[in-house]
Amino acid sequence: MFEGDMSGARVRSWIRDGISWHLGDAGDPDLVRALRPQDIVVANNFLCHMEKTQAEQCLRNIAGLVRLGGHLCVTGIDLDVRAKVARDLRWQPVTELINEIHEGDLSLRRDWPYKWWGLEPLDPERDDWHLRYATVFRLNDIT
C-alpha cells in the first residue's frame, strides 16, 4: 500500500490516483459536515487505541459519513463496542465471506486471548454472531 523509506512514506500511485484524500479527526462532528456522504467508508485499526466510550462515540460519528445504502468496513475495534453500535443504529451485516474475512489476519487470531489485539474466534452458536463478527455493514437507516 505504501512506498518510501524511514524518512517518509506515501500511498502508491496506483492506489491514490482518482481518490480525494483528506486529513481529519474521525471523532470530530464537523468532519461529517466537511465531507459529503460516501458510498464506502473504511475505519481500519485505529479505534482499538481508544477507550471504549471514545471508540463508540467515534464509530457513531464515522457512520454519519456513510450515505444511506452505503457500506462501512470497520476492523480493529472491541467487538462488544462494534456490535452495540451496529445494533443501536440498525446496520445490516454483510455476511458474504464473513468467516474468511474474520479469520483473514492470522496474527490476530493466533494472538487471541494473550494479546490485546487478538481477535476472538468466530462463534456461530451465538445468537448475534452475524452482527458481532461482520466487518462490513450496509447502512440503511442512520439515526
N, C-alpha and C. Protein backbone atom coordinates (compact mmCIF):
# COMPACT_ATOMS: atom_id res chain seq x y z
N MET A 1 0.82 -1.19 0.00
CA MET A 1 0.00 0.00 0.00
C MET A 1 0.87 1.26 0.00
N PHE A 2 2.01 1.20 0.72
CA PHE A 2 2.88 2.36 0.82
C PHE A 2 4.23 2.10 0.16
N GLU A 3 4.88 3.19 -0.22
CA GLU A 3 6.25 3.13 -0.70
C GLU A 3 7.04 4.24 -0.03
N GLY A 4 8.32 4.04 0.16
CA GLY A 4 9.14 5.06 0.79
C GLY A 4 10.25 4.44 1.61
N ASP A 5 10.76 5.24 2.53
CA ASP A 5 11.86 4.78 3.38
C ASP A 5 11.61 5.28 4.80
N MET A 6 12.62 5.22 5.64
CA MET A 6 12.47 5.59 7.04
C MET A 6 12.15 7.07 7.23
N SER A 7 12.43 7.90 6.25
CA SER A 7 12.16 9.33 6.38
C SER A 7 10.73 9.69 6.01
N GLY A 8 10.02 8.78 5.36
CA GLY A 8 8.63 9.07 4.99
C GLY A 8 8.06 8.00 4.09
N ALA A 9 6.77 8.02 3.98
CA ALA A 9 6.07 7.06 3.12
C ALA A 9 4.93 7.77 2.43
N ARG A 10 4.54 7.22 1.31
CA ARG A 10 3.38 7.75 0.59
C ARG A 10 2.60 6.60 -0.01
N VAL A 11 1.32 6.84 -0.21
CA VAL A 11 0.46 5.82 -0.79
C VAL A 11 0.88 5.62 -2.24
N ARG A 12 0.99 4.38 -2.66
CA ARG A 12 1.40 4.06 -4.03
C ARG A 12 0.44 4.71 -5.04
N SER A 13 0.98 5.16 -6.14
CA SER A 13 0.19 5.92 -7.12
C SER A 13 -1.01 5.13 -7.64
N TRP A 14 -0.86 3.84 -7.84
CA TRP A 14 -1.97 3.06 -8.39
C TRP A 14 -3.14 2.98 -7.40
N ILE A 15 -2.87 3.25 -6.13
CA ILE A 15 -3.94 3.28 -5.13
C ILE A 15 -4.49 4.70 -4.98
N ARG A 16 -3.63 5.70 -4.97
CA ARG A 16 -4.06 7.06 -4.67
C ARG A 16 -4.69 7.78 -5.85
N ASP A 17 -4.35 7.42 -7.10
CA ASP A 17 -4.88 8.11 -8.27
C ASP A 17 -6.40 7.99 -8.32
N GLY A 18 -7.05 9.12 -8.53
CA GLY A 18 -8.50 9.14 -8.66
C GLY A 18 -9.25 9.19 -7.33
N ILE A 19 -8.53 9.32 -6.23
CA ILE A 19 -9.14 9.37 -4.91
C ILE A 19 -8.84 10.73 -4.28
N SER A 20 -9.84 11.32 -3.66
CA SER A 20 -9.63 12.55 -2.90
C SER A 20 -9.22 12.16 -1.49
N TRP A 21 -8.08 12.65 -1.05
CA TRP A 21 -7.57 12.32 0.28
C TRP A 21 -7.74 13.53 1.19
N HIS A 22 -8.23 13.29 2.40
CA HIS A 22 -8.44 14.35 3.38
C HIS A 22 -7.88 13.90 4.72
N LEU A 23 -7.33 14.83 5.44
CA LEU A 23 -6.85 14.56 6.79
C LEU A 23 -7.83 15.17 7.76
N GLY A 24 -8.26 14.39 8.74
CA GLY A 24 -9.20 14.92 9.71
C GLY A 24 -9.28 14.02 10.93
N ASP A 25 -10.00 14.49 11.91
CA ASP A 25 -10.22 13.76 13.14
C ASP A 25 -11.55 13.01 13.00
N ALA A 26 -11.50 11.70 13.01
CA ALA A 26 -12.71 10.88 12.80
C ALA A 26 -13.73 11.09 13.91
N GLY A 27 -13.32 11.62 15.04
CA GLY A 27 -14.24 11.87 16.14
C GLY A 27 -14.84 13.26 16.12
N ASP A 28 -14.40 14.11 15.22
CA ASP A 28 -14.88 15.48 15.14
C ASP A 28 -16.21 15.54 14.40
N PRO A 29 -17.29 15.98 15.06
CA PRO A 29 -18.59 16.06 14.39
C PRO A 29 -18.57 16.96 13.14
N ASP A 30 -17.66 17.93 13.07
CA ASP A 30 -17.56 18.79 11.89
C ASP A 30 -17.06 18.04 10.67
N LEU A 31 -16.40 16.92 10.86
CA LEU A 31 -15.92 16.12 9.74
C LEU A 31 -17.07 15.67 8.85
N VAL A 32 -18.19 15.32 9.48
CA VAL A 32 -19.36 14.89 8.73
C VAL A 32 -19.86 16.02 7.83
N ARG A 33 -19.82 17.24 8.33
CA ARG A 33 -20.26 18.39 7.53
C ARG A 33 -19.24 18.75 6.44
N ALA A 34 -17.97 18.47 6.71
CA ALA A 34 -16.92 18.84 5.76
C ALA A 34 -16.86 17.92 4.54
N LEU A 35 -17.28 16.68 4.71
CA LEU A 35 -17.24 15.71 3.61
C LEU A 35 -18.65 15.33 3.20
N ARG A 36 -18.87 15.15 1.93
CA ARG A 36 -20.19 14.68 1.50
C ARG A 36 -20.32 13.20 1.85
N PRO A 37 -21.54 12.69 1.97
CA PRO A 37 -21.71 11.26 2.28
C PRO A 37 -21.02 10.38 1.24
N GLN A 38 -20.42 9.31 1.71
CA GLN A 38 -19.63 8.43 0.87
C GLN A 38 -20.32 7.08 0.68
N ASP A 39 -20.05 6.42 -0.44
CA ASP A 39 -20.59 5.08 -0.70
C ASP A 39 -19.93 4.04 0.20
N ILE A 40 -18.62 4.20 0.42
CA ILE A 40 -17.86 3.25 1.23
C ILE A 40 -16.95 4.05 2.17
N VAL A 41 -16.96 3.67 3.44
CA VAL A 41 -16.06 4.26 4.42
C VAL A 41 -15.34 3.10 5.11
N VAL A 42 -14.03 3.23 5.24
CA VAL A 42 -13.21 2.21 5.89
C VAL A 42 -12.62 2.80 7.17
N ALA A 43 -12.89 2.14 8.28
CA ALA A 43 -12.31 2.53 9.58
C ALA A 43 -11.50 1.32 10.04
N ASN A 44 -10.20 1.38 9.81
CA ASN A 44 -9.36 0.20 9.98
C ASN A 44 -8.27 0.43 11.01
N ASN A 45 -8.35 -0.30 12.11
CA ASN A 45 -7.27 -0.41 13.09
C ASN A 45 -6.82 0.89 13.74
N PHE A 46 -7.75 1.76 14.06
CA PHE A 46 -7.38 2.91 14.89
C PHE A 46 -8.31 3.05 16.09
N LEU A 47 -9.51 2.53 16.01
CA LEU A 47 -10.44 2.61 17.13
C LEU A 47 -10.00 1.76 18.31
N CYS A 48 -9.17 0.77 18.05
CA CYS A 48 -8.67 -0.12 19.11
C CYS A 48 -7.75 0.61 20.07
N HIS A 49 -7.26 1.77 19.70
CA HIS A 49 -6.35 2.53 20.55
C HIS A 49 -7.08 3.52 21.46
N MET A 50 -8.41 3.50 21.39
CA MET A 50 -9.22 4.41 22.19
C MET A 50 -9.89 3.67 23.33
N GLU A 51 -10.25 4.41 24.36
CA GLU A 51 -11.10 3.85 25.41
C GLU A 51 -12.44 3.48 24.77
N LYS A 52 -13.13 2.51 25.36
CA LYS A 52 -14.37 2.00 24.74
C LYS A 52 -15.40 3.10 24.50
N THR A 53 -15.59 4.01 25.44
CA THR A 53 -16.60 5.06 25.25
C THR A 53 -16.20 6.01 24.12
N GLN A 54 -14.91 6.32 24.03
CA GLN A 54 -14.43 7.19 22.96
C GLN A 54 -14.53 6.48 21.61
N ALA A 55 -14.19 5.19 21.56
CA ALA A 55 -14.29 4.43 20.32
C ALA A 55 -15.74 4.35 19.85
N GLU A 56 -16.66 4.15 20.79
CA GLU A 56 -18.08 4.10 20.43
C GLU A 56 -18.55 5.43 19.85
N GLN A 57 -18.21 6.51 20.51
CA GLN A 57 -18.60 7.84 20.03
C GLN A 57 -18.00 8.11 18.65
N CYS A 58 -16.76 7.75 18.46
CA CYS A 58 -16.09 7.95 17.19
C CYS A 58 -16.73 7.11 16.08
N LEU A 59 -17.06 5.86 16.39
CA LEU A 59 -17.69 4.98 15.40
C LEU A 59 -19.05 5.52 14.99
N ARG A 60 -19.81 6.03 15.94
CA ARG A 60 -21.10 6.65 15.61
C ARG A 60 -20.90 7.85 14.68
N ASN A 61 -19.86 8.62 14.93
CA ASN A 61 -19.56 9.76 14.09
C ASN A 61 -19.17 9.31 12.68
N ILE A 62 -18.33 8.29 12.61
CA ILE A 62 -17.89 7.77 11.31
C ILE A 62 -19.08 7.27 10.50
N ALA A 63 -20.04 6.65 11.18
CA ALA A 63 -21.23 6.15 10.48
C ALA A 63 -21.96 7.27 9.76
N GLY A 64 -21.88 8.48 10.30
CA GLY A 64 -22.50 9.62 9.64
C GLY A 64 -21.87 9.99 8.32
N LEU A 65 -20.68 9.46 8.03
CA LEU A 65 -20.02 9.72 6.76
C LEU A 65 -20.51 8.81 5.64
N VAL A 66 -21.31 7.79 5.99
CA VAL A 66 -21.76 6.81 5.01
C VAL A 66 -23.16 7.20 4.52
N ARG A 67 -23.31 7.28 3.21
CA ARG A 67 -24.64 7.60 2.67
C ARG A 67 -25.58 6.42 2.92
N LEU A 68 -26.87 6.71 2.99
CA LEU A 68 -27.84 5.63 3.16
C LEU A 68 -27.71 4.64 2.01
N GLY A 69 -27.63 3.38 2.34
CA GLY A 69 -27.42 2.34 1.34
C GLY A 69 -25.95 2.07 1.09
N GLY A 70 -25.07 2.88 1.69
CA GLY A 70 -23.63 2.68 1.53
C GLY A 70 -23.11 1.64 2.50
N HIS A 71 -21.81 1.44 2.46
CA HIS A 71 -21.18 0.40 3.27
C HIS A 71 -20.09 0.97 4.17
N LEU A 72 -20.01 0.41 5.37
CA LEU A 72 -18.98 0.74 6.33
C LEU A 72 -18.19 -0.53 6.61
N CYS A 73 -16.87 -0.43 6.47
CA CYS A 73 -15.97 -1.54 6.78
C CYS A 73 -15.21 -1.12 8.03
N VAL A 74 -15.36 -1.88 9.11
CA VAL A 74 -14.74 -1.47 10.37
C VAL A 74 -14.08 -2.65 11.06
N THR A 75 -12.76 -2.53 11.26
CA THR A 75 -11.99 -3.56 11.95
C THR A 75 -11.13 -2.88 13.01
N GLY A 76 -10.55 -3.71 13.87
CA GLY A 76 -9.66 -3.17 14.88
C GLY A 76 -10.40 -2.37 15.93
N ILE A 77 -11.50 -2.92 16.41
CA ILE A 77 -12.29 -2.29 17.45
C ILE A 77 -12.81 -3.40 18.35
N ASP A 78 -13.03 -3.09 19.60
CA ASP A 78 -13.62 -4.05 20.52
C ASP A 78 -14.94 -4.57 19.93
N LEU A 79 -15.09 -5.88 19.88
CA LEU A 79 -16.28 -6.47 19.25
C LEU A 79 -17.57 -6.09 19.97
N ASP A 80 -17.52 -5.94 21.30
CA ASP A 80 -18.71 -5.52 22.03
C ASP A 80 -19.14 -4.11 21.62
N VAL A 81 -18.17 -3.23 21.45
CA VAL A 81 -18.46 -1.85 21.04
C VAL A 81 -19.05 -1.84 19.64
N ARG A 82 -18.40 -2.53 18.71
CA ARG A 82 -18.89 -2.54 17.32
C ARG A 82 -20.30 -3.12 17.24
N ALA A 83 -20.54 -4.23 17.94
CA ALA A 83 -21.86 -4.86 17.92
C ALA A 83 -22.93 -3.94 18.53
N LYS A 84 -22.59 -3.25 19.62
CA LYS A 84 -23.54 -2.34 20.26
C LYS A 84 -23.96 -1.22 19.31
N VAL A 85 -22.97 -0.60 18.67
CA VAL A 85 -23.27 0.49 17.74
C VAL A 85 -24.06 -0.04 16.54
N ALA A 86 -23.64 -1.17 16.01
CA ALA A 86 -24.35 -1.77 14.87
C ALA A 86 -25.81 -2.07 15.22
N ARG A 87 -26.01 -2.59 16.41
CA ARG A 87 -27.38 -2.90 16.86
C ARG A 87 -28.19 -1.61 17.04
N ASP A 88 -27.60 -0.64 17.75
CA ASP A 88 -28.30 0.62 18.01
C ASP A 88 -28.68 1.35 16.73
N LEU A 89 -27.79 1.34 15.76
CA LEU A 89 -28.03 2.08 14.51
C LEU A 89 -28.64 1.22 13.41
N ARG A 90 -28.96 -0.02 13.76
CA ARG A 90 -29.65 -0.94 12.84
C ARG A 90 -28.89 -1.17 11.53
N TRP A 91 -27.57 -1.38 11.67
CA TRP A 91 -26.77 -1.71 10.49
C TRP A 91 -27.08 -3.13 10.05
N GLN A 92 -27.00 -3.37 8.77
CA GLN A 92 -27.20 -4.70 8.21
C GLN A 92 -25.85 -5.35 7.96
N PRO A 93 -25.52 -6.42 8.69
CA PRO A 93 -24.22 -7.06 8.45
C PRO A 93 -24.19 -7.72 7.07
N VAL A 94 -23.08 -7.56 6.38
CA VAL A 94 -22.86 -8.25 5.11
C VAL A 94 -22.21 -9.58 5.48
N THR A 95 -22.91 -10.65 5.23
CA THR A 95 -22.46 -11.95 5.71
C THR A 95 -21.69 -12.76 4.67
N GLU A 96 -21.68 -12.29 3.43
CA GLU A 96 -20.91 -12.99 2.40
C GLU A 96 -19.43 -12.98 2.81
N LEU A 97 -18.82 -14.13 2.85
CA LEU A 97 -17.42 -14.32 3.23
C LEU A 97 -17.10 -13.87 4.66
N ILE A 98 -18.11 -13.85 5.53
CA ILE A 98 -17.90 -13.37 6.90
C ILE A 98 -16.81 -14.17 7.62
N ASN A 99 -16.80 -15.48 7.45
CA ASN A 99 -15.79 -16.30 8.11
C ASN A 99 -14.40 -16.02 7.55
N GLU A 100 -14.29 -15.95 6.23
CA GLU A 100 -12.98 -15.72 5.61
C GLU A 100 -12.41 -14.36 6.00
N ILE A 101 -13.27 -13.35 6.07
CA ILE A 101 -12.81 -12.01 6.47
C ILE A 101 -12.40 -12.01 7.94
N HIS A 102 -13.23 -12.61 8.78
CA HIS A 102 -12.94 -12.63 10.22
C HIS A 102 -11.64 -13.38 10.51
N GLU A 103 -11.42 -14.46 9.83
CA GLU A 103 -10.24 -15.29 10.07
C GLU A 103 -9.05 -14.89 9.21
N GLY A 104 -9.19 -13.83 8.42
CA GLY A 104 -8.19 -13.49 7.41
C GLY A 104 -6.82 -13.10 7.91
N ASP A 105 -6.74 -12.40 9.01
CA ASP A 105 -5.43 -12.00 9.53
C ASP A 105 -5.00 -12.99 10.59
N LEU A 106 -4.13 -13.89 10.20
CA LEU A 106 -3.73 -14.97 11.10
C LEU A 106 -3.05 -14.48 12.38
N SER A 107 -2.37 -13.33 12.31
CA SER A 107 -1.71 -12.83 13.51
C SER A 107 -2.73 -12.42 14.57
N LEU A 108 -3.87 -11.91 14.16
CA LEU A 108 -4.91 -11.54 15.12
C LEU A 108 -5.50 -12.77 15.79
N ARG A 109 -5.76 -13.77 15.00
CA ARG A 109 -6.35 -15.00 15.53
C ARG A 109 -5.33 -15.76 16.39
N ARG A 110 -4.10 -15.79 15.95
CA ARG A 110 -3.06 -16.51 16.68
C ARG A 110 -2.84 -15.93 18.06
N ASP A 111 -2.99 -14.62 18.20
CA ASP A 111 -2.69 -13.94 19.46
C ASP A 111 -3.86 -13.88 20.44
N TRP A 112 -5.00 -14.41 20.06
CA TRP A 112 -6.14 -14.47 20.98
C TRP A 112 -5.92 -15.59 21.97
N PRO A 113 -6.14 -15.48 23.22
CA PRO A 113 -6.54 -14.31 24.01
C PRO A 113 -5.37 -13.65 24.71
N TYR A 114 -4.17 -13.90 24.28
CA TYR A 114 -2.98 -13.49 25.01
C TYR A 114 -2.54 -12.05 24.77
N LYS A 115 -2.90 -11.48 23.67
CA LYS A 115 -2.50 -10.10 23.35
C LYS A 115 -3.75 -9.24 23.20
N TRP A 116 -3.63 -7.96 23.52
CA TRP A 116 -4.80 -7.08 23.48
C TRP A 116 -5.39 -6.96 22.08
N TRP A 117 -4.57 -7.14 21.06
CA TRP A 117 -5.07 -7.03 19.68
C TRP A 117 -5.64 -8.34 19.15
N GLY A 118 -5.55 -9.40 19.93
CA GLY A 118 -6.06 -10.69 19.47
C GLY A 118 -7.56 -10.66 19.20
N LEU A 119 -7.98 -11.43 18.24
CA LEU A 119 -9.37 -11.46 17.83
C LEU A 119 -9.99 -12.81 18.19
N GLU A 120 -11.08 -12.75 18.93
CA GLU A 120 -11.74 -13.99 19.36
C GLU A 120 -12.21 -14.79 18.15
N PRO A 121 -12.25 -16.11 18.28
CA PRO A 121 -12.73 -16.95 17.17
C PRO A 121 -14.21 -16.70 16.90
N LEU A 122 -14.58 -16.82 15.66
CA LEU A 122 -15.98 -16.70 15.27
C LEU A 122 -16.77 -17.84 15.90
N ASP A 123 -17.83 -17.50 16.59
CA ASP A 123 -18.66 -18.48 17.30
C ASP A 123 -20.07 -18.46 16.73
N PRO A 124 -20.37 -19.36 15.78
CA PRO A 124 -21.69 -19.37 15.14
C PRO A 124 -22.82 -19.82 16.08
N GLU A 125 -22.48 -20.22 17.29
CA GLU A 125 -23.50 -20.60 18.27
C GLU A 125 -24.11 -19.38 18.96
N ARG A 126 -23.47 -18.24 18.86
CA ARG A 126 -24.01 -17.02 19.46
C ARG A 126 -25.25 -16.57 18.69
N ASP A 127 -26.25 -16.09 19.40
CA ASP A 127 -27.46 -15.59 18.75
C ASP A 127 -27.17 -14.39 17.84
N ASP A 128 -26.18 -13.59 18.22
CA ASP A 128 -25.87 -12.36 17.48
C ASP A 128 -24.62 -12.48 16.61
N TRP A 129 -24.25 -13.70 16.24
CA TRP A 129 -22.96 -13.89 15.59
C TRP A 129 -22.81 -13.13 14.28
N HIS A 130 -23.87 -12.99 13.50
CA HIS A 130 -23.76 -12.25 12.23
C HIS A 130 -23.37 -10.80 12.50
N LEU A 131 -24.02 -10.21 13.47
CA LEU A 131 -23.76 -8.81 13.81
C LEU A 131 -22.39 -8.65 14.47
N ARG A 132 -22.06 -9.54 15.39
CA ARG A 132 -20.82 -9.43 16.17
C ARG A 132 -19.57 -9.60 15.30
N TYR A 133 -19.60 -10.54 14.36
CA TYR A 133 -18.38 -10.88 13.63
C TYR A 133 -18.31 -10.27 12.24
N ALA A 134 -19.34 -9.57 11.81
CA ALA A 134 -19.28 -8.91 10.50
C ALA A 134 -18.27 -7.77 10.55
N THR A 135 -17.57 -7.58 9.47
CA THR A 135 -16.65 -6.46 9.31
C THR A 135 -17.25 -5.42 8.39
N VAL A 136 -18.13 -5.85 7.50
CA VAL A 136 -18.76 -4.96 6.53
C VAL A 136 -20.24 -4.86 6.87
N PHE A 137 -20.74 -3.62 6.83
CA PHE A 137 -22.15 -3.37 7.14
C PHE A 137 -22.74 -2.47 6.08
N ARG A 138 -24.01 -2.73 5.77
CA ARG A 138 -24.79 -1.84 4.90
C ARG A 138 -25.60 -0.95 5.82
N LEU A 139 -25.53 0.36 5.59
CA LEU A 139 -26.22 1.30 6.45
C LEU A 139 -27.49 1.77 5.76
N ASN A 140 -28.62 1.27 6.25
CA ASN A 140 -29.90 1.62 5.66
C ASN A 140 -30.56 2.78 6.35
N ASP A 141 -30.36 2.89 7.66
CA ASP A 141 -31.06 3.91 8.42
C ASP A 141 -30.17 4.36 9.56
N ILE A 142 -29.56 5.51 9.40
CA ILE A 142 -28.69 6.04 10.46
C ILE A 142 -29.49 7.06 11.25
N THR A 143 -29.62 6.80 12.55
CA THR A 143 -30.36 7.74 13.39
C THR A 143 -29.47 8.28 14.48
